[in-house]
Amino acid sequence: FVGSDAKMPSDYVDMSFKSSRRAPDADAKDRIRADEDLVLNWWTSPKFAVAGVGAAALLLFLFVVVIGPPPSDGRCTLPWC
C-alpha cells in the first residue's frame, strides 16, 4: 500500500452490485418495525408527556378540591365500614 500506484482491496472487488434477494418474511418484519416505530413515537412524544402531566394535575385537583379532606369527627365514610 505504498506509493501513488498502490491498489486498495476495494479496487479488486466490484462494490456496486446489490443483491435483490430478500428473506421470505422481510415484508412482515418491515410491517412490525413500522408498527413499533409508530407506537414508540407516540409514547415518547412531547404531546403525550404534556397530556400525562395534565392528567396527573387534574387528578390531584379532583382529590384535593372536589373530594376534600376526610371528616374531622372520625367517622368512616367508606362503604365497608
N, C-alpha and C. Protein backbone atom coordinates (compact mmCIF):
# COMPACT_ATOMS: atom_id res chain seq x y z
N PHE A 1 0.80 -1.19 0.00
CA PHE A 1 0.00 0.00 0.00
C PHE A 1 0.85 1.27 0.00
N VAL A 2 1.98 1.19 -0.59
CA VAL A 2 2.89 2.33 -0.59
C VAL A 2 3.01 2.84 -2.02
N GLY A 3 3.02 4.15 -2.16
CA GLY A 3 3.21 4.74 -3.49
C GLY A 3 1.89 5.20 -4.08
N SER A 4 2.00 5.97 -5.17
CA SER A 4 0.81 6.53 -5.79
C SER A 4 0.06 5.51 -6.65
N ASP A 5 0.72 4.43 -7.05
CA ASP A 5 0.05 3.42 -7.88
C ASP A 5 -0.43 2.22 -7.05
N ALA A 6 -0.46 2.38 -5.73
CA ALA A 6 -0.86 1.27 -4.86
C ALA A 6 -2.35 1.01 -5.01
N LYS A 7 -2.72 -0.25 -4.96
CA LYS A 7 -4.12 -0.66 -5.06
C LYS A 7 -4.64 -1.03 -3.68
N MET A 8 -5.87 -0.63 -3.44
CA MET A 8 -6.54 -0.98 -2.19
C MET A 8 -7.37 -2.23 -2.45
N PRO A 9 -7.71 -2.99 -1.39
CA PRO A 9 -8.53 -4.19 -1.59
C PRO A 9 -9.86 -3.90 -2.27
N SER A 10 -10.44 -2.73 -2.02
CA SER A 10 -11.72 -2.41 -2.65
C SER A 10 -11.58 -2.17 -4.16
N ASP A 11 -10.34 -1.94 -4.65
CA ASP A 11 -10.12 -1.78 -6.09
C ASP A 11 -10.29 -3.09 -6.83
N TYR A 12 -10.16 -4.20 -6.13
CA TYR A 12 -10.25 -5.51 -6.77
C TYR A 12 -11.66 -6.10 -6.70
N VAL A 13 -12.54 -5.49 -5.94
CA VAL A 13 -13.88 -6.03 -5.73
C VAL A 13 -14.90 -5.02 -6.26
N ASP A 14 -15.88 -5.55 -7.03
CA ASP A 14 -16.95 -4.68 -7.54
C ASP A 14 -17.96 -4.48 -6.42
N MET A 15 -18.00 -3.27 -5.87
CA MET A 15 -18.88 -2.97 -4.74
C MET A 15 -20.23 -2.41 -5.20
N SER A 16 -20.44 -2.24 -6.49
CA SER A 16 -21.67 -1.63 -6.97
C SER A 16 -22.82 -2.63 -7.05
N PHE A 17 -22.56 -3.91 -6.95
CA PHE A 17 -23.61 -4.92 -7.06
C PHE A 17 -24.40 -5.01 -5.76
N LYS A 18 -25.71 -4.94 -5.87
CA LYS A 18 -26.59 -5.11 -4.72
C LYS A 18 -27.48 -6.31 -4.98
N SER A 19 -27.60 -7.15 -4.02
CA SER A 19 -28.45 -8.33 -4.16
C SER A 19 -29.91 -7.93 -4.04
N SER A 20 -30.74 -8.50 -4.88
CA SER A 20 -32.18 -8.22 -4.83
C SER A 20 -32.92 -9.29 -4.04
N ARG A 21 -32.19 -10.23 -3.49
CA ARG A 21 -32.84 -11.29 -2.70
C ARG A 21 -33.23 -10.75 -1.35
N ARG A 22 -34.40 -11.14 -0.90
CA ARG A 22 -34.88 -10.75 0.42
C ARG A 22 -35.35 -12.00 1.15
N ALA A 23 -35.33 -11.91 2.44
CA ALA A 23 -35.83 -13.03 3.24
C ALA A 23 -37.33 -13.16 3.02
N PRO A 24 -37.87 -14.38 3.12
CA PRO A 24 -39.30 -14.57 2.88
C PRO A 24 -40.19 -13.76 3.83
N ASP A 25 -39.73 -13.52 5.02
CA ASP A 25 -40.55 -12.79 5.99
C ASP A 25 -40.13 -11.32 6.13
N ALA A 26 -39.42 -10.80 5.16
CA ALA A 26 -38.92 -9.42 5.24
C ALA A 26 -40.06 -8.41 5.27
N ASP A 27 -41.11 -8.65 4.49
CA ASP A 27 -42.24 -7.71 4.49
C ASP A 27 -42.94 -7.70 5.85
N ALA A 28 -43.09 -8.86 6.45
CA ALA A 28 -43.72 -8.93 7.78
C ALA A 28 -42.86 -8.21 8.81
N LYS A 29 -41.55 -8.38 8.72
CA LYS A 29 -40.65 -7.69 9.65
C LYS A 29 -40.72 -6.19 9.45
N ASP A 30 -40.82 -5.74 8.19
CA ASP A 30 -40.94 -4.31 7.93
C ASP A 30 -42.23 -3.74 8.51
N ARG A 31 -43.34 -4.48 8.40
CA ARG A 31 -44.61 -4.03 8.97
C ARG A 31 -44.53 -3.96 10.50
N ILE A 32 -43.94 -4.96 11.11
CA ILE A 32 -43.79 -4.97 12.57
C ILE A 32 -42.91 -3.80 13.01
N ARG A 33 -41.82 -3.57 12.30
CA ARG A 33 -40.93 -2.46 12.64
C ARG A 33 -41.65 -1.12 12.50
N ALA A 34 -42.47 -0.98 11.47
CA ALA A 34 -43.23 0.27 11.28
C ALA A 34 -44.25 0.46 12.41
N ASP A 35 -44.91 -0.63 12.82
CA ASP A 35 -45.86 -0.55 13.93
C ASP A 35 -45.16 -0.17 15.24
N GLU A 36 -44.00 -0.78 15.48
CA GLU A 36 -43.24 -0.45 16.69
C GLU A 36 -42.80 1.01 16.68
N ASP A 37 -42.36 1.50 15.53
CA ASP A 37 -41.95 2.90 15.43
C ASP A 37 -43.13 3.83 15.69
N LEU A 38 -44.30 3.49 15.18
CA LEU A 38 -45.48 4.31 15.38
C LEU A 38 -45.83 4.41 16.87
N VAL A 39 -45.85 3.28 17.56
CA VAL A 39 -46.20 3.27 18.99
C VAL A 39 -45.12 3.96 19.80
N LEU A 40 -43.87 3.69 19.49
CA LEU A 40 -42.77 4.31 20.25
C LEU A 40 -42.76 5.82 20.05
N ASN A 41 -42.98 6.27 18.82
CA ASN A 41 -43.00 7.71 18.57
C ASN A 41 -44.17 8.38 19.28
N TRP A 42 -45.31 7.71 19.35
CA TRP A 42 -46.47 8.25 20.05
C TRP A 42 -46.20 8.30 21.55
N TRP A 43 -45.66 7.23 22.10
CA TRP A 43 -45.43 7.12 23.54
C TRP A 43 -44.39 8.11 24.03
N THR A 44 -43.39 8.40 23.22
CA THR A 44 -42.29 9.28 23.65
C THR A 44 -42.44 10.71 23.14
N SER A 45 -43.57 11.05 22.58
CA SER A 45 -43.75 12.39 22.04
C SER A 45 -43.97 13.41 23.16
N PRO A 46 -43.60 14.65 22.93
CA PRO A 46 -43.85 15.70 23.95
C PRO A 46 -45.33 15.91 24.23
N LYS A 47 -46.16 15.73 23.24
CA LYS A 47 -47.61 15.89 23.44
C LYS A 47 -48.12 14.88 24.46
N PHE A 48 -47.63 13.65 24.39
CA PHE A 48 -48.06 12.62 25.33
C PHE A 48 -47.59 12.96 26.75
N ALA A 49 -46.37 13.48 26.88
CA ALA A 49 -45.86 13.87 28.20
C ALA A 49 -46.68 15.02 28.79
N VAL A 50 -47.03 15.99 27.96
CA VAL A 50 -47.84 17.11 28.43
C VAL A 50 -49.22 16.63 28.85
N ALA A 51 -49.79 15.71 28.07
CA ALA A 51 -51.10 15.16 28.41
C ALA A 51 -51.03 14.37 29.73
N GLY A 52 -49.95 13.64 29.95
CA GLY A 52 -49.79 12.90 31.19
C GLY A 52 -49.67 13.81 32.40
N VAL A 53 -48.92 14.88 32.27
CA VAL A 53 -48.78 15.84 33.37
C VAL A 53 -50.12 16.52 33.63
N GLY A 54 -50.84 16.84 32.55
CA GLY A 54 -52.17 17.44 32.71
C GLY A 54 -53.14 16.52 33.40
N ALA A 55 -53.11 15.24 33.04
CA ALA A 55 -54.00 14.26 33.68
C ALA A 55 -53.65 14.10 35.16
N ALA A 56 -52.37 14.09 35.48
CA ALA A 56 -51.96 13.98 36.89
C ALA A 56 -52.40 15.21 37.68
N ALA A 57 -52.27 16.39 37.09
CA ALA A 57 -52.71 17.61 37.77
C ALA A 57 -54.22 17.62 37.96
N LEU A 58 -54.96 17.16 36.96
CA LEU A 58 -56.41 17.10 37.07
C LEU A 58 -56.83 16.11 38.16
N LEU A 59 -56.17 14.99 38.24
CA LEU A 59 -56.48 14.00 39.27
C LEU A 59 -56.15 14.55 40.66
N LEU A 60 -55.05 15.23 40.80
CA LEU A 60 -54.70 15.85 42.07
C LEU A 60 -55.74 16.90 42.46
N PHE A 61 -56.16 17.72 41.51
CA PHE A 61 -57.21 18.71 41.77
C PHE A 61 -58.49 18.02 42.21
N LEU A 62 -58.84 16.93 41.54
CA LEU A 62 -60.05 16.19 41.89
C LEU A 62 -59.98 15.68 43.32
N PHE A 63 -58.88 15.09 43.71
CA PHE A 63 -58.75 14.54 45.06
C PHE A 63 -58.72 15.63 46.13
N VAL A 64 -58.01 16.70 45.88
CA VAL A 64 -57.82 17.72 46.91
C VAL A 64 -59.02 18.64 47.03
N VAL A 65 -59.51 19.15 45.93
CA VAL A 65 -60.55 20.18 45.98
C VAL A 65 -61.95 19.59 45.96
N VAL A 66 -62.23 18.69 45.04
CA VAL A 66 -63.59 18.19 44.88
C VAL A 66 -63.95 17.20 45.98
N ILE A 67 -63.11 16.22 46.21
CA ILE A 67 -63.42 15.20 47.23
C ILE A 67 -63.20 15.78 48.62
N GLY A 68 -62.12 16.51 48.80
CA GLY A 68 -61.87 17.17 50.07
C GLY A 68 -61.20 16.26 51.08
N PRO A 69 -60.92 16.81 52.26
CA PRO A 69 -60.25 16.04 53.30
C PRO A 69 -61.23 15.06 53.96
N PRO A 70 -60.72 14.12 54.75
CA PRO A 70 -61.61 13.19 55.46
C PRO A 70 -62.42 13.93 56.52
N PRO A 71 -63.51 13.36 56.97
CA PRO A 71 -64.31 14.03 58.00
C PRO A 71 -63.51 14.22 59.28
N SER A 72 -63.76 15.33 59.96
CA SER A 72 -62.97 15.64 61.16
C SER A 72 -63.48 14.96 62.42
N ASP A 73 -64.69 14.37 62.36
CA ASP A 73 -65.23 13.74 63.58
C ASP A 73 -64.85 12.27 63.73
N GLY A 74 -64.02 11.73 62.83
CA GLY A 74 -63.54 10.36 62.97
C GLY A 74 -64.45 9.30 62.42
N ARG A 75 -65.58 9.64 61.89
CA ARG A 75 -66.47 8.61 61.34
C ARG A 75 -65.92 8.12 60.01
N CYS A 76 -66.19 6.89 59.70
CA CYS A 76 -65.72 6.29 58.48
C CYS A 76 -66.77 6.47 57.40
N THR A 77 -66.35 6.96 56.24
CA THR A 77 -67.30 7.16 55.14
C THR A 77 -67.13 6.14 54.04
N LEU A 78 -66.28 5.15 54.27
CA LEU A 78 -66.06 4.12 53.25
C LEU A 78 -67.22 3.12 53.25
N PRO A 79 -67.51 2.52 52.09
CA PRO A 79 -68.65 1.61 52.01
C PRO A 79 -68.55 0.38 52.91
N TRP A 80 -67.36 -0.09 53.23
CA TRP A 80 -67.23 -1.31 54.02
C TRP A 80 -67.11 -1.05 55.51
N CYS A 81 -67.22 0.17 55.95
CA CYS A 81 -67.14 0.48 57.39
C CYS A 81 -68.50 0.33 58.05
